[in-house]
Protein backbone atom coordinates (compact mmCIF):
# COMPACT_ATOMS: atom_id res chain seq x y z
CA MET A 1 -15.77 4.25 43.60
CA GLY A 2 -17.59 4.45 40.34
CA ASP A 3 -19.38 7.45 38.72
CA ARG A 4 -22.97 7.84 39.35
CA ARG A 5 -24.77 6.90 36.02
CA PHE A 6 -28.40 6.22 35.41
CA ASP A 7 -29.27 2.98 33.51
CA ARG A 8 -31.92 2.70 30.99
CA TYR A 9 -34.60 2.42 33.63
CA GLY A 10 -33.72 5.60 35.39
CA SER A 11 -32.32 4.18 38.57
CA GLY A 12 -29.18 5.70 39.95
CA LYS A 13 -27.10 2.64 40.46
CA GLU A 14 -23.24 3.09 41.06
CA GLN A 15 -21.52 1.75 37.94
CA ASP A 16 -17.90 1.11 37.82
CA MET A 17 -16.55 3.18 34.69
CA ALA A 18 -13.17 1.35 34.84
CA THR A 19 -12.09 -0.49 31.74
CA THR A 20 -13.75 -3.76 31.37
CA THR A 21 -12.40 -6.61 29.51
CA PRO A 22 -14.60 -8.42 26.95
CA ALA A 23 -14.85 -12.28 27.42
CA ARG A 24 -14.33 -12.66 23.66
CA GLY A 25 -12.64 -11.31 20.63
CA ILE A 26 -9.27 -9.54 20.08
CA LEU A 27 -10.00 -7.31 23.08
CA SER A 28 -10.23 -10.29 25.54
CA GLU A 29 -7.50 -10.84 28.08
CA GLU A 30 -6.68 -14.22 26.71
CA ARG A 31 -5.90 -12.72 23.37
CA SER A 32 -3.65 -9.98 24.74
CA GLN A 33 -0.57 -11.53 22.98
CA GLU A 34 -2.33 -11.58 19.55
CA ARG A 35 -3.49 -8.23 20.16
CA GLU A 36 0.05 -6.90 20.82
CA GLU A 37 1.19 -8.68 17.63
CA LEU A 38 -1.57 -7.05 15.67
CA ILE A 39 -0.81 -3.53 17.09
CA GLY A 40 2.72 -4.20 15.86
CA LEU A 41 1.55 -4.93 12.26
CA LEU A 42 -0.81 -1.86 12.36
CA GLU A 43 2.04 0.24 13.70
CA ARG A 44 4.20 -0.70 10.61
CA ALA A 45 1.30 0.11 8.29
CA TYR A 46 0.80 3.35 10.05
CA TRP A 47 4.46 4.32 9.43
CA MET A 48 4.35 3.04 5.89
CA GLU A 49 1.52 5.25 5.16
CA ILE A 50 3.14 8.47 6.85
CA GLU A 51 6.48 7.70 4.86
CA THR A 52 4.36 7.43 1.76
CA VAL A 53 2.80 10.72 2.53
CA MET A 54 6.17 12.37 2.76
CA SER A 55 7.67 10.73 -0.33
CA TYR A 56 4.49 11.62 -2.33
CA LEU A 57 4.76 15.16 -1.22
CA ALA A 58 8.29 15.50 -2.40
CA ASN A 59 7.53 13.75 -5.66
CA SER A 60 4.37 15.98 -6.25
CA ILE A 61 6.59 19.14 -6.02
CA ASN A 62 9.97 18.10 -7.72
CA PRO A 63 9.44 16.63 -11.05
CA ASP A 64 9.79 18.95 -13.93
CA GLY A 65 8.49 18.82 -17.63
CA VAL A 66 5.10 18.89 -19.42
CA ARG A 67 5.00 14.91 -18.96
CA ALA A 68 5.25 15.28 -15.09
CA GLN A 69 2.17 17.13 -14.78
CA GLU A 70 -0.06 14.35 -14.61
CA ILE A 71 1.97 12.20 -12.27
CA LYS A 72 2.38 15.20 -10.00
CA GLU A 73 -1.28 15.76 -9.88
CA SER A 74 -2.00 12.07 -9.12
CA LEU A 75 0.39 12.18 -6.23
CA GLU A 76 -1.15 15.27 -4.87
CA GLU A 77 -4.55 13.55 -4.78
CA ASP A 78 -2.98 10.41 -3.24
CA ILE A 79 -1.40 12.26 -0.48
CA GLN A 80 -4.70 13.01 1.29
CA GLU A 81 -5.86 9.56 0.81
CA GLU A 82 -2.60 8.00 2.20
CA LEU A 83 -2.88 10.34 5.17
CA GLY A 84 -6.50 9.14 5.78
CA HIS A 85 -5.16 5.57 5.82
CA ALA A 86 -2.58 6.54 8.61
CA GLN A 87 -5.33 8.21 10.64
CA LYS A 88 -7.34 4.94 10.34
CA TYR A 89 -4.44 2.80 11.35
CA GLY A 90 -3.76 5.18 14.23
CA ALA A 91 -7.25 5.08 15.49
CA ARG A 92 -7.41 1.45 15.29
CA ILE A 93 -4.15 1.13 17.32
CA LYS A 94 -5.69 3.10 20.05
CA GLU A 95 -9.02 1.18 19.85
CA LEU A 96 -6.89 -2.05 20.44
CA TYR A 97 -5.46 -0.16 23.59
CA GLY A 98 -2.09 0.43 21.89
CA VAL A 99 -0.50 3.94 21.72
CA VAL A 100 0.13 5.60 18.28
CA PRO A 101 3.73 6.16 18.09
CA GLY A 102 5.49 9.39 17.74
CA SER A 103 8.05 10.73 15.31
CA GLN A 104 11.09 9.51 17.38
CA ASP A 105 9.88 5.95 16.54
CA PHE A 106 9.98 6.65 12.64
CA ALA A 107 12.54 4.86 10.51
CA ALA A 108 12.59 5.46 6.76
CA GLU A 109 12.48 2.40 4.55
CA GLN A 110 11.26 3.75 1.12
CA SER A 111 14.63 4.39 -0.71
CA HIS A 112 12.78 3.71 -3.92
CA LEU A 113 10.63 6.72 -3.54
CA GLN A 114 13.54 9.18 -2.83
CA PRO A 115 13.55 11.96 -5.45
CA PRO A 116 15.48 11.14 -8.63
CA ASP A 117 18.99 12.66 -9.42
CA HIS A 118 17.16 14.50 -12.42
CA GLN A 119 13.95 16.11 -11.81
CA THR A 120 12.81 15.12 -15.32
CA ASP A 121 13.24 11.45 -14.39
CA VAL A 122 9.38 10.81 -14.03
CA VAL A 123 9.84 7.12 -14.59
CA HIS A 124 11.84 6.83 -11.45
CA VAL A 125 8.91 8.18 -9.64
CA ILE A 126 6.51 6.01 -11.21
CA LYS A 127 8.48 2.82 -10.53
CA GLY A 128 8.93 4.15 -6.94
CA VAL A 129 5.15 4.62 -6.49
CA ILE A 130 4.65 1.04 -7.94
CA GLU A 131 7.11 -0.52 -5.47
CA ALA A 132 5.67 1.30 -2.49
CA GLU A 133 2.06 0.39 -3.30
CA SER A 134 3.19 -3.25 -3.79
CA GLY A 135 4.97 -3.24 -0.40
CA ALA A 136 1.81 -1.96 1.27
CA ILE A 137 -0.39 -4.48 -0.57
CA GLU A 138 1.84 -7.28 0.68
CA HIS A 139 1.89 -6.11 4.20
CA TYR A 140 -1.93 -5.40 4.29
CA ASN A 141 -2.58 -8.89 3.08
CA ARG A 142 -0.50 -10.18 5.87
CA ILE A 143 -2.70 -8.19 8.24
CA ILE A 144 -5.92 -9.31 6.54
CA GLU A 145 -4.53 -13.13 6.94
CA PHE A 146 -3.61 -12.46 10.60
CA CYS A 147 -7.09 -11.00 11.39
CA GLU A 148 -8.99 -14.01 9.88
CA GLY A 149 -10.94 -15.58 12.79
CA ARG A 150 -9.39 -13.06 15.25
CA ASP A 151 -10.43 -9.56 14.44
CA PRO A 152 -13.11 -8.90 11.77
CA VAL A 153 -13.19 -5.20 12.66
CA THR A 154 -9.45 -4.70 11.76
CA GLN A 155 -9.91 -6.95 8.84
CA ASP A 156 -12.73 -5.08 7.28
CA MET A 157 -10.82 -1.76 7.55
CA VAL A 158 -7.65 -2.94 6.13
CA ILE A 159 -9.56 -4.74 3.19
CA ASN A 160 -10.94 -1.32 2.27
CA ILE A 161 -7.49 0.27 2.57
CA LEU A 162 -6.04 -2.61 0.36
CA ARG A 163 -8.65 -1.64 -2.35
CA ASP A 164 -7.36 1.88 -2.46
CA GLU A 165 -3.72 0.74 -2.76
CA GLU A 166 -4.37 -1.85 -5.53
CA GLY A 167 -6.06 1.03 -7.45
CA HIS A 168 -3.14 3.25 -6.96
CA ARG A 169 -0.71 0.58 -8.18
CA ARG A 170 -2.88 -0.11 -11.15
CA LEU A 171 -2.91 3.59 -12.02
CA PHE A 172 0.67 3.79 -12.07
CA GLU A 173 1.37 0.68 -13.69
CA GLY A 174 -0.81 2.31 -16.54
CA PHE A 175 1.50 5.25 -16.57
CA LEU A 176 4.56 2.85 -16.81
CA ARG A 177 2.96 0.93 -19.68
CA GLU A 178 2.53 4.35 -21.59
CA TYR A 179 6.18 5.28 -21.10
CA GLN A 180 7.33 1.89 -22.08
CA ALA A 181 5.28 1.87 -25.29
CA GLU A 182 6.81 5.33 -26.23
CA GLY A 183 10.27 3.99 -25.42
CA LEU A 184 10.77 6.21 -22.61
CA ALA A 185 11.03 3.57 -19.68
């Protein structure tokens, strides 16, 4: 039996508070297979962001040297933004009736962002960030394309996240060009 709810006219009709399935859109029953595929894409994006947070944290602490300071500070700022992206992906997974995965489902992929052998090798960190951001950009474009005509809400969210990732990559490409101009990369 449903909860007793009052409609906008004040009548106390019984309303069934069970989940209702929309007739259209990504939440409709007929699109359940597409929704599951999208949840899989979002889960991968979620893990990419979580792994980036871990790697950026290590790389914001480990590097040594005067030249490393600007890179460390930039990564410290990016950690919060990347964590925010993971939270957005997690929230959207839930909105699509998925379950945000737990830590036992995590599998590391970002070998390029592992701390360098020498803590003064800032170029290694810069190149790792560029590669991580490029991978995210590629995957997020895939999600945007998948969502075209299927899920404008997710598409809009990912477009905004993509903009952040493109900005991060551009910043670190600038750092790399500076090191290359000085013959240090």
